[in-house]
């Protein structure tokens, strides 16, 4: 297996680029807006005032939001290295 030389700081630049990409993706996500509901849209439990003030436009209680987030499919990572081993996973 052949070794590859890279310039100083290349690994740090890759890490910083990955972090920047992820932050940009998170900022681009649509955030709730508008009037918060007083009761959860799924289970009809009351949404605490502190949550409604912290997240404008919130529609779900903490339990329902946690359940929905747990059901979300995780997205795949970005293969910046390009090695065969990392592509086979």
N, C-alpha and C. Protein backbone atom coordinates (compact mmCIF):
# COMPACT_ATOMS: atom_id res chain seq x y z
N UNK A 1 0.84 -1.17 0.00
CA UNK A 1 0.00 0.00 0.00
C UNK A 1 0.89 1.23 0.00
N UNK A 2 0.63 2.13 -0.85
CA UNK A 2 1.46 3.32 -1.00
C UNK A 2 1.03 4.39 0.00
N UNK A 3 2.02 5.03 0.57
CA UNK A 3 1.74 6.14 1.47
C UNK A 3 1.62 7.43 0.68
N UNK A 4 0.86 8.37 1.20
CA UNK A 4 0.66 9.63 0.51
C UNK A 4 1.14 10.75 1.43
N UNK A 5 1.94 11.64 0.88
CA UNK A 5 2.40 12.80 1.64
C UNK A 5 1.41 13.93 1.45
N UNK A 6 1.15 14.62 2.50
CA UNK A 6 0.29 15.80 2.39
C UNK A 6 0.98 16.96 3.08
N UNK A 7 0.60 18.13 2.70
CA UNK A 7 1.25 19.31 3.26
C UNK A 7 0.82 19.52 4.70
N UNK A 8 1.56 20.30 5.43
CA UNK A 8 1.24 20.59 6.83
C UNK A 8 -0.12 21.28 6.92
N UNK A 9 -0.92 20.83 7.86
CA UNK A 9 -2.21 21.45 8.10
C UNK A 9 -3.34 20.92 7.24
N UNK A 10 -3.07 19.95 6.36
CA UNK A 10 -4.11 19.44 5.47
C UNK A 10 -5.22 18.74 6.26
N UNK A 11 -4.84 18.00 7.29
CA UNK A 11 -5.84 17.29 8.10
C UNK A 11 -6.70 18.30 8.85
N UNK A 12 -6.09 19.32 9.40
CA UNK A 12 -6.85 20.35 10.11
C UNK A 12 -7.82 21.06 9.16
N UNK A 13 -7.38 21.31 7.94
CA UNK A 13 -8.25 21.95 6.97
C UNK A 13 -9.44 21.07 6.62
N UNK A 14 -9.22 19.75 6.52
CA UNK A 14 -10.32 18.84 6.25
C UNK A 14 -11.33 18.86 7.39
N UNK A 15 -10.83 18.83 8.61
CA UNK A 15 -11.72 18.86 9.78
C UNK A 15 -12.51 20.16 9.80
N UNK A 16 -11.84 21.28 9.59
CA UNK A 16 -12.52 22.57 9.59
C UNK A 16 -13.56 22.66 8.47
N UNK A 17 -13.25 22.09 7.30
CA UNK A 17 -14.20 22.10 6.19
C UNK A 17 -15.42 21.25 6.53
N UNK A 18 -15.22 20.11 7.19
CA UNK A 18 -16.34 19.27 7.59
C UNK A 18 -17.23 19.99 8.59
N UNK A 19 -16.61 20.67 9.55
CA UNK A 19 -17.37 21.41 10.55
C UNK A 19 -18.14 22.55 9.90
N UNK A 20 -17.50 23.26 8.98
CA UNK A 20 -18.17 24.37 8.29
C UNK A 20 -19.36 23.88 7.48
N UNK A 21 -19.18 22.76 6.78
CA UNK A 21 -20.27 22.19 5.99
C UNK A 21 -21.46 21.81 6.88
N UNK A 22 -21.18 21.18 8.01
CA UNK A 22 -22.24 20.76 8.91
C UNK A 22 -22.96 21.96 9.53
N UNK A 23 -22.20 22.99 9.92
CA UNK A 23 -22.82 24.19 10.47
C UNK A 23 -23.71 24.88 9.44
N UNK A 24 -23.25 24.93 8.20
CA UNK A 24 -24.06 25.54 7.14
C UNK A 24 -25.34 24.74 6.91
N UNK A 25 -25.24 23.41 6.98
CA UNK A 25 -26.41 22.56 6.80
C UNK A 25 -27.41 22.78 7.94
N UNK A 26 -26.91 22.89 9.17
CA UNK A 26 -27.79 23.12 10.31
C UNK A 26 -28.46 24.49 10.26
N UNK A 27 -27.72 25.51 9.83
CA UNK A 27 -28.29 26.85 9.73
C UNK A 27 -29.34 26.93 8.63
N UNK A 28 -29.20 26.10 7.59
CA UNK A 28 -30.13 26.13 6.47
C UNK A 28 -31.44 25.40 6.79
N UNK A 29 -31.45 24.61 7.86
CA UNK A 29 -32.68 23.90 8.23
C UNK A 29 -33.79 24.88 8.56
N UNK A 30 -34.97 24.51 8.17
CA UNK A 30 -36.12 25.37 8.44
C UNK A 30 -36.47 25.32 9.92
N UNK A 31 -36.49 26.46 10.55
CA UNK A 31 -36.82 26.56 11.98
C UNK A 31 -38.28 26.95 12.12
N UNK A 32 -38.91 26.51 13.24
CA UNK A 32 -40.30 26.91 13.46
C UNK A 32 -40.42 28.43 13.56
N UNK A 33 -41.50 28.95 13.04
CA UNK A 33 -41.74 30.38 13.10
C UNK A 33 -43.21 30.62 13.39
N UNK A 34 -43.52 31.81 13.81
CA UNK A 34 -44.90 32.18 14.04
C UNK A 34 -45.33 31.94 15.47
N UNK A 35 -46.62 31.80 15.65
CA UNK A 35 -47.21 31.64 16.98
C UNK A 35 -47.03 30.20 17.47
N UNK A 36 -46.57 30.05 18.70
CA UNK A 36 -46.43 28.72 19.30
C UNK A 36 -47.80 28.21 19.71
N UNK A 37 -47.96 26.90 19.63
CA UNK A 37 -49.20 26.29 20.11
C UNK A 37 -49.14 26.14 21.62
N UNK A 38 -50.28 26.20 22.27
CA UNK A 38 -50.31 26.00 23.73
C UNK A 38 -50.37 24.52 24.07
N UNK A 39 -50.86 23.71 23.13
CA UNK A 39 -50.94 22.26 23.34
C UNK A 39 -50.30 21.55 22.15
N UNK A 40 -49.70 20.40 22.42
CA UNK A 40 -48.98 19.62 21.41
C UNK A 40 -49.92 19.22 20.27
N UNK A 41 -49.41 19.30 19.06
CA UNK A 41 -50.20 18.95 17.87
C UNK A 41 -50.43 17.44 17.76
N UNK A 42 -49.62 16.62 18.45
CA UNK A 42 -49.76 15.17 18.35
C UNK A 42 -50.49 14.56 19.54
N UNK A 43 -50.09 14.93 20.76
CA UNK A 43 -50.65 14.26 21.95
C UNK A 43 -51.59 15.13 22.77
N UNK A 44 -51.74 16.39 22.40
CA UNK A 44 -52.63 17.33 23.07
C UNK A 44 -52.19 17.69 24.50
N UNK A 45 -50.97 17.33 24.90
CA UNK A 45 -50.45 17.75 26.21
C UNK A 45 -50.08 19.23 26.14
N UNK A 46 -50.16 19.91 27.27
CA UNK A 46 -49.81 21.32 27.29
C UNK A 46 -48.30 21.50 27.09
N UNK A 47 -47.93 22.44 26.26
CA UNK A 47 -46.52 22.76 26.04
C UNK A 47 -46.13 23.81 27.08
N UNK A 48 -45.08 23.56 27.88
CA UNK A 48 -44.70 24.51 28.93
C UNK A 48 -44.37 25.89 28.35
N UNK A 49 -44.68 26.90 29.12
CA UNK A 49 -44.45 28.28 28.70
C UNK A 49 -42.98 28.53 28.37
N UNK A 50 -42.08 27.96 29.16
CA UNK A 50 -40.64 28.16 28.92
C UNK A 50 -40.24 27.64 27.54
N UNK A 51 -40.80 26.50 27.13
CA UNK A 51 -40.49 25.94 25.80
C UNK A 51 -41.07 26.83 24.71
N UNK A 52 -42.29 27.32 24.90
CA UNK A 52 -42.91 28.19 23.89
C UNK A 52 -42.13 29.48 23.72
N UNK A 53 -41.57 30.01 24.82
CA UNK A 53 -40.78 31.24 24.73
C UNK A 53 -39.40 30.99 24.13
N UNK A 54 -38.83 29.82 24.42
CA UNK A 54 -37.48 29.50 23.93
C UNK A 54 -37.47 29.19 22.44
N UNK A 55 -38.54 28.55 21.94
CA UNK A 55 -38.60 28.16 20.53
C UNK A 55 -39.87 28.75 19.92
N UNK A 56 -39.78 29.92 19.30
CA UNK A 56 -40.97 30.52 18.69
C UNK A 56 -41.54 29.61 17.60
N UNK A 57 -42.83 29.41 17.62
CA UNK A 57 -43.48 28.59 16.61
C UNK A 57 -43.48 27.11 16.91
N UNK A 58 -43.15 26.72 18.14
CA UNK A 58 -43.08 25.30 18.49
C UNK A 58 -44.47 24.68 18.42
N UNK A 59 -44.55 23.46 17.88
CA UNK A 59 -45.83 22.78 17.70
C UNK A 59 -45.92 21.48 18.50
N UNK A 60 -44.77 20.96 18.96
CA UNK A 60 -44.74 19.67 19.65
C UNK A 60 -44.18 19.81 21.06
N UNK A 61 -44.66 18.95 21.96
CA UNK A 61 -44.08 18.90 23.31
C UNK A 61 -42.71 18.22 23.22
N UNK A 62 -41.99 18.23 24.31
CA UNK A 62 -40.63 17.68 24.31
C UNK A 62 -40.64 16.19 23.99
N UNK A 63 -41.58 15.43 24.57
CA UNK A 63 -41.63 13.98 24.34
C UNK A 63 -41.91 13.66 22.88
N UNK A 64 -42.88 14.32 22.28
CA UNK A 64 -43.20 14.06 20.87
C UNK A 64 -42.07 14.51 19.94
N UNK A 65 -41.44 15.63 20.26
CA UNK A 65 -40.32 16.10 19.45
C UNK A 65 -39.15 15.12 19.53
N UNK A 66 -38.91 14.57 20.73
CA UNK A 66 -37.83 13.59 20.90
C UNK A 66 -38.13 12.32 20.13
N UNK A 67 -39.40 11.86 20.19
CA UNK A 67 -39.78 10.65 19.45
C UNK A 67 -39.62 10.85 17.95
N UNK A 68 -40.04 12.01 17.45
CA UNK A 68 -39.93 12.29 16.01
C UNK A 68 -38.47 12.36 15.58
N UNK A 69 -37.62 12.97 16.43
CA UNK A 69 -36.21 13.08 16.10
C UNK A 69 -35.54 11.71 16.11
N UNK A 70 -35.96 10.83 17.02
CA UNK A 70 -35.38 9.48 17.09
C UNK A 70 -35.76 8.65 15.87
N UNK A 71 -36.92 8.92 15.28
CA UNK A 71 -37.37 8.18 14.10
C UNK A 71 -36.71 8.67 12.82
N UNK A 72 -36.13 9.85 12.85
CA UNK A 72 -35.49 10.41 11.65
C UNK A 72 -34.30 9.55 11.25
N UNK A 73 -34.14 9.35 9.97
CA UNK A 73 -33.03 8.55 9.49
C UNK A 73 -31.75 9.39 9.51
N UNK A 74 -30.68 8.83 10.07
CA UNK A 74 -29.43 9.59 10.09
C UNK A 74 -28.86 9.71 8.68
N UNK A 75 -28.29 10.85 8.40
CA UNK A 75 -27.71 11.06 7.08
C UNK A 75 -26.30 10.49 7.06
N UNK A 76 -25.86 10.08 5.90
CA UNK A 76 -24.52 9.52 5.76
C UNK A 76 -23.46 10.58 5.82
N UNK A 77 -22.29 10.18 6.27
CA UNK A 77 -21.18 11.12 6.35
C UNK A 77 -20.56 11.37 4.98
N UNK A 78 -19.77 12.35 4.90
CA UNK A 78 -19.11 12.70 3.65
C UNK A 78 -17.74 12.03 3.63
N UNK A 79 -17.45 11.33 2.56
CA UNK A 79 -16.16 10.65 2.41
C UNK A 79 -15.18 11.62 1.78
N UNK A 80 -14.45 12.35 2.61
CA UNK A 80 -13.46 13.30 2.08
C UNK A 80 -12.14 12.62 1.76
N UNK A 81 -11.89 11.48 2.38
CA UNK A 81 -10.62 10.83 2.21
C UNK A 81 -10.51 10.14 0.85
N UNK A 82 -11.59 9.51 0.41
CA UNK A 82 -11.60 8.90 -0.91
C UNK A 82 -10.91 7.56 -0.99
N UNK A 83 -10.60 6.93 0.14
CA UNK A 83 -9.96 5.63 0.09
C UNK A 83 -10.99 4.54 -0.18
N UNK A 84 -10.54 3.42 -0.73
CA UNK A 84 -11.44 2.32 -1.04
C UNK A 84 -12.12 1.81 0.24
N UNK A 85 -11.36 1.67 1.31
CA UNK A 85 -11.91 1.14 2.54
C UNK A 85 -13.06 1.99 3.05
N UNK A 86 -12.93 3.31 2.99
CA UNK A 86 -14.00 4.16 3.50
C UNK A 86 -15.21 4.16 2.59
N UNK A 87 -15.03 3.82 1.31
CA UNK A 87 -16.15 3.80 0.38
C UNK A 87 -16.94 2.49 0.49
N UNK A 88 -16.34 1.44 1.03
CA UNK A 88 -17.00 0.16 1.12
C UNK A 88 -17.94 0.06 2.31
N UNK A 89 -17.83 0.98 3.25
CA UNK A 89 -18.66 0.91 4.46
C UNK A 89 -20.07 1.30 4.19
